[in-house]
Amino acid sequence: MIIHYYISSFIFFLSVLLLLSAQAAEPVKKKAPSPIQIEADHMLSDQKNNSVFFSGKVEAAQDDVVIHADEMTVFYINDKGDKEALKSSSSNSSKNIKRLWAVGNVEITKEEWVATGDSAEYFESERKIVLIGNTKVWQDNNLVTGDKFIMYLDEEKSIVESNGENKERVKAFFYPN
């Protein structure tokens, strides 16, 4: 009876081990990037410089990230130029977004946090947002301030820095529940 129990436990343990190793061996499929939707009062396309300029209550959204600004310039990769950037791009379309530059009353929201600053730059290849100048980041009632806020969207990691010029340091205010 005791031997039967140990054999059953051992077989169960092996089954779980095989199941976990089979799941670990499966390749992780990378999700195709969602489109970036932009709305504004005005738009100016500059094909010569591979850019599109938006102004007036600009809102750019991709998945759960939304950027509001007074003005935004989208720089894209043209299939006739920037061939190295196209090789590293995840899409084969003729116009892939390379980066976004937003200025004026910049506000970025993602899930439960809100960040504000003077300007922001989004780098598509790294899926990174850099918010610069008088940055404030709220998550619930908690607040972090600094000169630069960097958010790595796929890594769920962020960095807040002080430029040291105005002797202001990074400040954090955490409120217990």
Protein backbone atom coordinates (compact mmCIF):
# COMPACT_ATOMS: atom_id res chain seq x y z
CA MET A 1 0.00 0.00 0.00
CA ILE A 2 2.77 2.44 0.92
CA ILE A 3 4.76 1.45 -2.18
CA HIS A 4 1.68 2.02 -4.34
CA TYR A 5 1.35 5.55 -2.82
CA TYR A 6 5.00 6.39 -3.58
CA ILE A 7 4.73 5.08 -7.15
CA SER A 8 1.53 7.11 -7.74
CA SER A 9 3.16 10.23 -6.30
CA PHE A 10 6.26 9.69 -8.43
CA ILE A 11 4.18 9.23 -11.62
CA PHE A 12 2.18 12.37 -10.80
CA PHE A 13 5.42 14.32 -10.21
CA LEU A 14 6.86 13.11 -13.55
CA SER A 15 3.65 14.05 -15.36
CA VAL A 16 3.76 17.58 -13.98
CA LEU A 17 7.47 17.86 -14.82
CA LEU A 18 6.89 16.70 -18.42
CA LEU A 19 3.97 19.08 -18.84
CA LEU A 20 6.01 22.06 -17.61
CA SER A 21 9.00 21.19 -19.79
CA ALA A 22 6.75 20.84 -22.86
CA GLN A 23 5.28 24.30 -22.20
CA ALA A 24 8.74 25.81 -21.72
CA ALA A 25 9.91 24.32 -25.02
CA GLU A 26 7.15 26.05 -27.00
CA PRO A 27 8.44 29.23 -28.65
CA VAL A 28 6.93 32.47 -27.39
CA LYS A 29 4.97 34.09 -30.19
CA LYS A 30 5.51 37.84 -30.38
CA LYS A 31 2.28 39.75 -30.80
CA ALA A 32 2.09 41.97 -33.87
CA PRO A 33 2.11 45.65 -32.91
CA SER A 34 -1.27 47.34 -32.76
CA PRO A 35 -1.87 50.36 -34.97
CA ILE A 36 -1.29 53.84 -33.58
CA GLN A 37 -4.41 55.98 -33.97
CA ILE A 38 -3.91 59.76 -34.03
CA GLU A 39 -6.59 62.46 -33.91
CA ALA A 40 -6.00 66.23 -34.13
CA ASP A 41 -7.49 69.49 -35.40
CA HIS A 42 -4.88 69.83 -38.18
CA MET A 43 -2.44 67.59 -40.08
CA LEU A 44 0.44 68.45 -42.43
CA SER A 45 2.22 65.67 -44.32
CA ASP A 46 5.85 66.20 -45.38
CA GLN A 47 6.83 63.26 -47.61
CA LYS A 48 10.25 64.76 -48.35
CA ASN A 49 11.17 64.51 -44.66
CA ASN A 50 9.15 61.34 -43.93
CA SER A 51 7.05 63.07 -41.30
CA VAL A 52 3.51 64.07 -40.46
CA PHE A 53 2.81 67.08 -38.21
CA PHE A 54 -0.37 67.21 -36.09
CA SER A 55 -1.60 70.20 -34.08
CA GLY A 56 -4.58 71.13 -31.94
CA LYS A 57 -5.70 68.78 -29.19
CA VAL A 58 -3.60 65.89 -30.46
CA GLU A 59 -4.36 62.41 -29.14
CA ALA A 60 -2.31 59.36 -30.09
CA ALA A 61 -3.36 55.93 -28.82
CA GLN A 62 -1.94 52.42 -29.07
CA ASP A 63 -3.45 49.67 -26.94
CA ASP A 64 -3.65 51.08 -23.40
CA VAL A 65 -1.19 53.97 -23.93
CA VAL A 66 -2.62 57.41 -24.80
CA ILE A 67 -0.55 60.56 -25.43
CA HIS A 68 -2.20 64.01 -25.40
CA ALA A 69 -0.29 67.10 -26.59
CA ASP A 70 -0.68 70.46 -28.30
CA GLU A 71 1.53 69.34 -31.20
CA MET A 72 2.98 66.06 -32.39
CA THR A 73 5.31 65.06 -35.21
CA VAL A 74 5.37 61.47 -36.43
CA PHE A 75 8.55 60.38 -38.17
CA TYR A 76 8.21 57.27 -40.30
CA ILE A 77 10.47 54.94 -42.23
CA ASN A 78 10.05 55.15 -45.97
CA ASP A 79 10.85 51.98 -47.95
CA LYS A 80 12.99 54.09 -50.32
CA GLY A 81 15.24 55.34 -47.52
CA ASP A 82 16.30 54.08 -44.11
CA LYS A 83 16.73 50.45 -45.19
CA GLU A 84 18.52 49.46 -41.96
CA ALA A 85 15.58 50.63 -39.84
CA LEU A 86 13.19 48.79 -42.14
CA LYS A 87 15.12 45.53 -41.64
CA SER A 88 14.66 45.77 -37.87
CA SER A 89 11.02 46.81 -38.22
CA SER A 90 8.36 44.26 -37.32
CA SER A 91 6.10 45.14 -40.24
CA ASN A 92 6.65 45.07 -43.98
CA SER A 93 4.45 48.04 -44.82
CA SER A 94 5.98 50.91 -46.77
CA LYS A 95 5.52 53.42 -43.92
CA ASN A 96 6.48 52.26 -40.43
CA ILE A 97 6.53 54.68 -37.52
CA LYS A 98 10.04 55.34 -36.32
CA ARG A 99 9.29 57.81 -33.52
CA LEU A 100 6.84 60.41 -32.24
CA TRP A 101 7.72 63.84 -30.84
CA ALA A 102 5.08 65.61 -28.73
CA VAL A 103 5.25 69.10 -27.21
CA GLY A 104 2.97 71.32 -25.15
CA ASN A 105 0.79 70.14 -22.28
CA VAL A 106 1.95 66.55 -22.71
CA GLU A 107 -0.03 63.97 -20.77
CA ILE A 108 0.50 60.22 -21.05
CA THR A 109 -1.82 57.63 -19.56
CA LYS A 110 -1.28 53.88 -19.26
CA GLU A 111 -3.58 51.74 -17.16
CA GLU A 112 -3.58 53.21 -13.64
CA TRP A 113 -0.83 55.83 -14.09
CA VAL A 114 -0.73 59.36 -15.53
CA ALA A 115 2.43 61.26 -16.47
CA THR A 116 2.80 64.93 -17.46
CA GLY A 117 5.69 66.99 -18.78
CA ASP A 118 6.87 69.59 -21.28
CA SER A 119 7.71 67.22 -24.15
CA ALA A 120 7.77 63.52 -24.94
CA GLU A 121 9.44 61.25 -27.45
CA TYR A 122 8.29 57.74 -28.30
CA PHE A 123 10.72 55.30 -29.95
CA GLU A 124 8.86 52.50 -31.74
CA SER A 125 11.84 50.13 -32.12
CA GLU A 126 12.43 50.12 -28.34
CA ARG A 127 8.78 50.74 -27.36
CA LYS A 128 10.12 53.43 -25.04
CA ILE A 129 8.63 56.80 -24.03
CA VAL A 130 10.89 59.59 -22.74
CA LEU A 131 9.05 62.46 -21.03
CA ILE A 132 11.19 65.56 -20.43
CA GLY A 133 10.80 68.73 -18.35
CA ASN A 134 8.84 69.17 -15.13
CA THR A 135 7.73 65.57 -15.15
CA LYS A 136 5.15 64.30 -12.70
CA VAL A 137 3.97 60.71 -12.57
CA TRP A 138 0.94 59.60 -10.58
CA GLN A 139 -0.13 56.08 -9.79
CA ASP A 140 -3.24 56.18 -7.65
CA ASN A 141 -2.37 58.83 -5.00
CA ASN A 142 1.39 58.22 -5.23
CA LEU A 143 3.52 60.84 -6.98
CA VAL A 144 7.07 60.89 -8.39
CA THR A 145 8.64 64.08 -9.81
CA GLY A 146 11.83 64.69 -11.75
CA ASP A 147 13.28 66.18 -14.92
CA LYS A 148 13.04 63.04 -17.05
CA PHE A 149 10.72 60.04 -16.98
CA ILE A 150 11.54 56.98 -19.11
CA MET A 151 8.97 54.21 -19.57
CA TYR A 152 9.82 50.89 -21.22
CA LEU A 153 6.39 49.66 -22.31
CA ASP A 154 7.19 45.98 -22.90
CA GLU A 155 9.40 45.60 -19.84
CA GLU A 156 7.01 47.28 -17.40
CA LYS A 157 9.99 49.28 -16.14
CA SER A 158 10.38 53.02 -15.58
CA ILE A 159 13.18 55.41 -14.62
CA VAL A 160 12.89 58.92 -13.17
CA GLU A 161 15.96 61.15 -13.33
CA SER A 162 17.06 64.60 -12.25
CA ASN A 163 19.26 66.61 -14.60
CA GLY A 164 21.18 68.12 -11.66
CA GLU A 165 21.17 71.60 -13.21
CA ASN A 166 18.58 73.15 -10.90
CA LYS A 167 19.70 71.15 -7.85
CA GLU A 168 16.29 69.50 -7.71
CA ARG A 169 16.34 65.82 -6.94
CA VAL A 170 13.88 63.07 -7.80
CA LYS A 171 11.05 63.16 -5.27
CA ALA A 172 8.58 60.42 -4.44
CA PHE A 173 5.48 60.59 -2.30
CA PHE A 174 3.95 57.25 -1.38
CA TYR A 175 0.68 56.98 0.46
CA PRO A 176 -0.12 53.70 2.21
CA ASN A 177 -3.58 52.28 1.56
